[in-house]
Amino acid sequence: MKVIVNEAGFYAGTWFEAGDKPQDMPDAVARQFLPPYGAQLSLPDAKRAAPKAEEKKAG
């Protein structure tokens, strides 16, 4: 599964750096850290959609 890492750290024994670039992570590992269970990871589509929604409200 492609995810955006919001917090750098070890996920299932593998180090992942934080950044805006989507990274591959096994589904069983990623699901534990995605909302609503955690905020350490996010899905690439959700990351892109959020700023657009905020811009429309502000403008």
PDB file of N, CA and C in Angstrom:
ATOM      1  N   MET A   1       0.861  -1.166   0.000  1.00  0.00           N
ATOM      2  CA  MET A   1       0.000   0.000   0.000  1.00  0.00           C
ATOM      3  C   MET A   1       0.907   1.228   0.000  1.00  0.00           C
ATOM      4  N   LYS A   2       0.537   2.223  -0.788  1.00  0.00           N
ATOM      5  CA  LYS A   2       1.277   3.486  -0.824  1.00  0.00           C
ATOM      6  C   LYS A   2       0.736   4.396   0.276  1.00  0.00           C
ATOM      7  N   VAL A   3       1.638   4.906   1.109  1.00  0.00           N
ATOM      8  CA  VAL A   3       1.248   5.795   2.200  1.00  0.00           C
ATOM      9  C   VAL A   3       2.200   6.984   2.278  1.00  0.00           C
ATOM     10  N   ILE A   4       1.732   8.054   2.888  1.00  0.00           N
ATOM     11  CA  ILE A   4       2.561   9.211   3.209  1.00  0.00           C
ATOM     12  C   ILE A   4       2.956   9.051   4.668  1.00  0.00           C
ATOM     13  N   VAL A   5       4.250   9.110   4.957  1.00  0.00           N
ATOM     14  CA  VAL A   5       4.733   8.969   6.326  1.00  0.00           C
ATOM     15  C   VAL A   5       4.795  10.362   6.955  1.00  0.00           C
ATOM     16  N   ASN A   6       3.961  10.593   7.968  1.00  0.00           N
ATOM     17  CA  ASN A   6       3.926  11.878   8.671  1.00  0.00           C
ATOM     18  C   ASN A   6       4.948  11.934   9.795  1.00  0.00           C
ATOM     19  N   GLU A   7       5.247  10.793  10.408  1.00  0.00           N
ATOM     20  CA  GLU A   7       6.213  10.695  11.501  1.00  0.00           C
ATOM     21  C   GLU A   7       7.247   9.641  11.159  1.00  0.00           C
ATOM     22  N   ALA A   8       8.511  10.044  11.063  1.00  0.00           N
ATOM     23  CA  ALA A   8       9.584   9.092  10.789  1.00  0.00           C
ATOM     24  C   ALA A   8       9.694   8.108  11.952  1.00  0.00           C
ATOM     25  N   GLY A   9      10.045   6.896  11.639  1.00  0.00           N
ATOM     26  CA  GLY A   9      10.216   5.907  12.690  1.00  0.00           C
ATOM     27  C   GLY A   9      10.258   4.496  12.142  1.00  0.00           C
ATOM     28  N   PHE A  10      10.373   3.541  13.058  1.00  0.00           N
ATOM     29  CA  PHE A  10      10.373   2.130  12.701  1.00  0.00           C
ATOM     30  C   PHE A  10       8.936   1.634  12.644  1.00  0.00           C
ATOM     31  N   TYR A  11       8.576   1.043  11.534  1.00  0.00           N
ATOM     32  CA  TYR A  11       7.269   0.424  11.353  1.00  0.00           C
ATOM     33  C   TYR A  11       7.527  -1.029  11.005  1.00  0.00           C
ATOM     34  N   ALA A  12       7.206  -1.936  11.941  1.00  0.00           N
ATOM     35  CA  ALA A  12       7.447  -3.375  11.797  1.00  0.00           C
ATOM     36  C   ALA A  12       8.927  -3.671  11.523  1.00  0.00           C
ATOM     37  N   GLY A  13       9.806  -2.944  12.186  1.00  0.00           N
ATOM     38  CA  GLY A  13      11.238  -3.208  12.094  1.00  0.00           C
ATOM     39  C   GLY A  13      11.946  -2.548  10.927  1.00  0.00           C
ATOM     40  N   THR A  14      11.246  -1.781  10.122  1.00  0.00           N
ATOM     41  CA  THR A  14      11.840  -1.084   8.985  1.00  0.00           C
ATOM     42  C   THR A  14      11.711   0.414   9.203  1.00  0.00           C
ATOM     43  N   TRP A  15      12.812   1.145   8.980  1.00  0.00           N
ATOM     44  CA  TRP A  15      12.815   2.586   9.175  1.00  0.00           C
ATOM     45  C   TRP A  15      12.199   3.272   7.965  1.00  0.00           C
ATOM     46  N   PHE A  16      11.302   4.227   8.217  1.00  0.00           N
ATOM     47  CA  PHE A  16      10.688   5.034   7.175  1.00  0.00           C
ATOM     48  C   PHE A  16      10.895   6.497   7.518  1.00  0.00           C
ATOM     49  N   GLU A  17      11.396   7.280   6.558  1.00  0.00           N
ATOM     50  CA  GLU A  17      11.574   8.719   6.738  1.00  0.00           C
ATOM     51  C   GLU A  17      10.261   9.441   6.441  1.00  0.00           C
ATOM     52  N   ALA A  18       9.998  10.498   7.164  1.00  0.00           N
ATOM     53  CA  ALA A  18       8.799  11.309   6.918  1.00  0.00           C
ATOM     54  C   ALA A  18       9.002  12.142   5.655  1.00  0.00           C
ATOM     55  N   GLY A  19       7.914  12.385   4.948  1.00  0.00           N
ATOM     56  CA  GLY A  19       7.985  13.211   3.748  1.00  0.00           C
ATOM     57  C   GLY A  19       6.668  13.202   2.997  1.00  0.00           C
ATOM     58  N   ASP A  20       6.605  13.996   1.931  1.00  0.00           N
ATOM     59  CA  ASP A  20       5.391  14.112   1.127  1.00  0.00           C
ATOM     60  C   ASP A  20       5.295  13.052   0.045  1.00  0.00           C
ATOM     61  N   LYS A  21       6.380  12.326  -0.192  1.00  0.00           N
ATOM     62  CA  LYS A  21       6.425  11.325  -1.259  1.00  0.00           C
ATOM     63  C   LYS A  21       5.813  10.001  -0.784  1.00  0.00           C
ATOM     64  N   PRO A  22       4.866   9.418  -1.547  1.00  0.00           N
ATOM     65  CA  PRO A  22       4.278   8.128  -1.154  1.00  0.00           C
ATOM     66  C   PRO A  22       5.333   7.021  -1.106  1.00  0.00           C
ATOM     67  N   GLN A  23       5.242   6.169  -0.087  1.00  0.00           N
ATOM     68  CA  GLN A  23       6.169   5.060   0.092  1.00  0.00           C
ATOM     69  C   GLN A  23       5.382   3.762   0.205  1.00  0.00           C
ATOM     70  N   ASP A  24       5.991   2.671  -0.248  1.00  0.00           N
ATOM     71  CA  ASP A  24       5.364   1.352  -0.138  1.00  0.00           C
ATOM     72  C   ASP A  24       5.537   0.800   1.274  1.00  0.00           C
ATOM     73  N   MET A  25       4.442   0.275   1.820  1.00  0.00           N
ATOM     74  CA  MET A  25       4.463  -0.343   3.141  1.00  0.00           C
ATOM     75  C   MET A  25       3.447  -1.483   3.105  1.00  0.00           C
ATOM     76  N   PRO A  26       3.777  -2.626   3.737  1.00  0.00           N
ATOM     77  CA  PRO A  26       2.808  -3.730   3.761  1.00  0.00           C
ATOM     78  C   PRO A  26       1.480  -3.298   4.384  1.00  0.00           C
ATOM     79  N   ASP A  27       0.381  -3.763   3.808  1.00  0.00           N
ATOM     80  CA  ASP A  27      -0.964  -3.385   4.274  1.00  0.00           C
ATOM     81  C   ASP A  27      -1.163  -3.649   5.762  1.00  0.00           C
ATOM     82  N   ALA A  28      -0.740  -4.820   6.231  1.00  0.00           N
ATOM     83  CA  ALA A  28      -0.947  -5.200   7.630  1.00  0.00           C
ATOM     84  C   ALA A  28      -0.238  -4.242   8.584  1.00  0.00           C
ATOM     85  N   VAL A  29       0.866  -3.672   8.162  1.00  0.00           N
ATOM     86  CA  VAL A  29       1.601  -2.720   8.995  1.00  0.00           C
ATOM     87  C   VAL A  29       0.958  -1.343   8.907  1.00  0.00           C
ATOM     88  N   ALA A  30       0.667  -0.896   7.703  1.00  0.00           N
ATOM     89  CA  ALA A  30       0.162   0.466   7.497  1.00  0.00           C
ATOM     90  C   ALA A  30      -1.191   0.708   8.160  1.00  0.00           C
ATOM     91  N   ARG A  31      -2.078  -0.254   8.107  1.00  0.00           N
ATOM     92  CA  ARG A  31      -3.441  -0.047   8.638  1.00  0.00           C
ATOM     93  C   ARG A  31      -3.455   0.330  10.114  1.00  0.00           C
ATOM     94  N   GLN A  32      -2.483  -0.136  10.883  1.00  0.00           N
ATOM     95  CA  GLN A  32      -2.431   0.176  12.319  1.00  0.00           C
ATOM     96  C   GLN A  32      -2.167   1.651  12.584  1.00  0.00           C
ATOM     97  N   PHE A  33      -1.523   2.331  11.628  1.00  0.00           N
ATOM     98  CA  PHE A  33      -1.083   3.701  11.843  1.00  0.00           C
ATOM     99  C   PHE A  33      -1.854   4.732  11.015  1.00  0.00           C
ATOM    100  N   LEU A  34      -2.865   4.269  10.281  1.00  0.00           N
ATOM    101  CA  LEU A  34      -3.721   5.165   9.500  1.00  0.00           C
ATOM    102  C   LEU A  34      -4.928   5.590  10.335  1.00  0.00           C
ATOM    103  N   PRO A  35      -5.487   6.774  10.065  1.00  0.00           N
ATOM    104  CA  PRO A  35      -6.710   7.165  10.774  1.00  0.00           C
ATOM    105  C   PRO A  35      -7.805   6.134  10.545  1.00  0.00           C
ATOM    106  N   PRO A  36      -8.644   5.837  11.481  1.00  0.00           N
ATOM    107  CA  PRO A  36      -8.854   6.492  12.771  1.00  0.00           C
ATOM    108  C   PRO A  36      -7.996   5.926  13.901  1.00  0.00           C
ATOM    109  N   TYR A  37      -7.098   4.988  13.606  1.00  0.00           N
ATOM    110  CA  TYR A  37      -6.300   4.348  14.662  1.00  0.00           C
ATOM    111  C   TYR A  37      -5.068   5.151  15.034  1.00  0.00           C
ATOM    112  N   GLY A  38      -4.506   5.891  14.109  1.00  0.00           N
ATOM    113  CA  GLY A  38      -3.316   6.680  14.379  1.00  0.00           C
ATOM    114  C   GLY A  38      -3.168   7.772  13.332  1.00  0.00           C
ATOM    115  N   ALA A  39      -2.240   8.690  13.574  1.00  0.00           N
ATOM    116  CA  ALA A  39      -2.030   9.800  12.648  1.00  0.00           C
ATOM    117  C   ALA A  39      -0.621   9.808  12.072  1.00  0.00           C
ATOM    118  N   GLN A  40       0.132   8.721  12.301  1.00  0.00           N
ATOM    119  CA  GLN A  40       1.509   8.666  11.820  1.00  0.00           C
ATOM    120  C   GLN A  40       1.596   8.537  10.309  1.00  0.00           C
ATOM    121  N   LEU A  41       0.574   7.945   9.686  1.00  0.00           N
ATOM    122  CA  LEU A  41       0.548   7.751   8.237  1.00  0.00           C
ATOM    123  C   LEU A  41      -0.741   8.342   7.681  1.00  0.00           C
ATOM    124  N   SER A  42      -0.725   8.632   6.389  1.00  0.00           N
ATOM    125  CA  SER A  42      -1.947   9.043   5.695  1.00  0.00           C
ATOM    126  C   SER A  42      -1.898   8.507   4.275  1.00  0.00           C
ATOM    127  N   LEU A  43      -3.044   8.443   3.651  1.00  0.00           N
ATOM    128  CA  LEU A  43      -3.130   7.985   2.268  1.00  0.00           C
ATOM    129  C   LEU A  43      -2.808   9.149   1.339  1.00  0.00           C
ATOM    130  N   PRO A  44      -2.129   8.893   0.230  1.00  0.00           N
ATOM    131  CA  PRO A  44      -1.754   9.983  -0.677  1.00  0.00           C
ATOM    132  C   PRO A  44      -2.957  10.782  -1.179  1.00  0.00           C
ATOM    133  N   ASP A  45      -4.086  10.148  -1.490  1.00  0.00           N
ATOM    134  CA  ASP A  45      -5.261  10.861  -1.985  1.00  0.00           C
ATOM    135  C   ASP A  45      -5.832  11.790  -0.925  1.00  0.00           C
ATOM    136  N   ALA A  46      -5.870  11.358   0.316  1.00  0.00           N
ATOM    137  CA  ALA A  46      -6.407  12.173   1.412  1.00  0.00           C
ATOM    138  C   ALA A  46      -5.521  13.397   1.634  1.00  0.00           C
ATOM    139  N   LYS A  47      -4.225  13.240   1.506  1.00  0.00           N
ATOM    140  CA  LYS A  47      -3.287  14.338   1.721  1.00  0.00           C
ATOM    141  C   LYS A  47      -3.494  15.426   0.665  1.00  0.00           C
ATOM    142  N   ARG A  48      -3.753  15.043  -0.570  1.00  0.00           N
ATOM    143  CA  ARG A  48      -3.939  16.007  -1.649  1.00  0.00           C
ATOM    144  C   ARG A  48      -5.313  16.665  -1.593  1.00  0.00           C
ATOM    145  N   ALA A  49      -6.327  15.924  -1.176  1.00  0.00           N
ATOM    146  CA  ALA A  49      -7.697  16.439  -1.183  1.00  0.00           C
ATOM    147  C   ALA A  49      -7.925  17.469  -0.072  1.00  0.00           C
ATOM    148  N   ALA A  50      -7.284  17.317   1.051  1.00  0.00           N
ATOM    149  CA  ALA A  50      -7.525  18.201   2.190  1.00  0.00           C
ATOM    150  C   ALA A  50      -7.203  19.671   1.892  1.00  0.00           C
ATOM    151  N   PRO A  51      -6.039  20.016   1.331  1.00  0.00           N
ATOM    152  CA  PRO A  51      -5.764  21.434   1.068  1.00  0.00           C
ATOM    153  C   PRO A  51      -6.752  22.054   0.081  1.00  0.00           C
ATOM    154  N   LYS A  52      -7.215  21.315  -0.910  1.00  0.00           N
ATOM    155  CA  LYS A  52      -8.158  21.856  -1.889  1.00  0.00           C
ATOM    156  C   LYS A  52      -9.464  22.232  -1.216  1.00  0.00           C
ATOM    157  N   ALA A  53      -9.942  21.400  -0.300  1.00  0.00           N
ATOM    158  CA  ALA A  53     -11.192  21.680   0.414  1.00  0.00           C
ATOM    159  C   ALA A  53     -11.050  22.941   1.271  1.00  0.00           C
ATOM    160  N   GLU A  54      -9.895  23.104   1.920  1.00  0.00           N
ATOM    161  CA  GLU A  54      -9.662  24.273   2.749  1.00  0.00           C
ATOM    162  C   GLU A  54      -9.599  25.549   1.913  1.00  0.00           C
ATOM    163  N   GLU A  55      -8.987  25.462   0.716  1.00  0.00           N
ATOM    164  CA  GLU A  55      -8.884  26.622  -0.165  1.00  0.00           C
ATOM    165  C   GLU A  55     -10.274  27.088  -0.606  1.00  0.00           C
ATOM    166  N   LYS A  56     -11.154  26.146  -0.895  1.00  0.00           N
ATOM    167  CA  LYS A  56     -12.492  26.510  -1.342  1.00  0.00           C
ATOM    168  C   LYS A  56     -13.279  27.216  -0.235  1.00  0.00           C
ATOM    169  N   LYS A  57     -13.108  26.762   1.007  1.00  0.00           N
ATOM    170  CA  LYS A  57     -13.801  27.394   2.129  1.00  0.00           C
ATOM    171  C   LYS A  57     -13.280  28.809   2.372  1.00  0.00           C
ATOM    172  N   ALA A  58     -11.954  28.972   2.273  1.00  0.00           N
ATOM    173  CA  ALA A  58     -11.341  30.261   2.555  1.00  0.00           C
ATOM    174  C   ALA A  58     -11.634  31.291   1.461  1.00  0.00           C
ATOM    175  N   GLY A  59     -11.758  30.824   0.210  1.00  0.00           N
ATOM    176  CA  GLY A  59     -11.897  31.754  -0.905  1.00  0.00           C
ATOM    177  C   GLY A  59     -13.287  32.037  -1.206  1.00  0.00           C
TER     178      GLY A  59
END
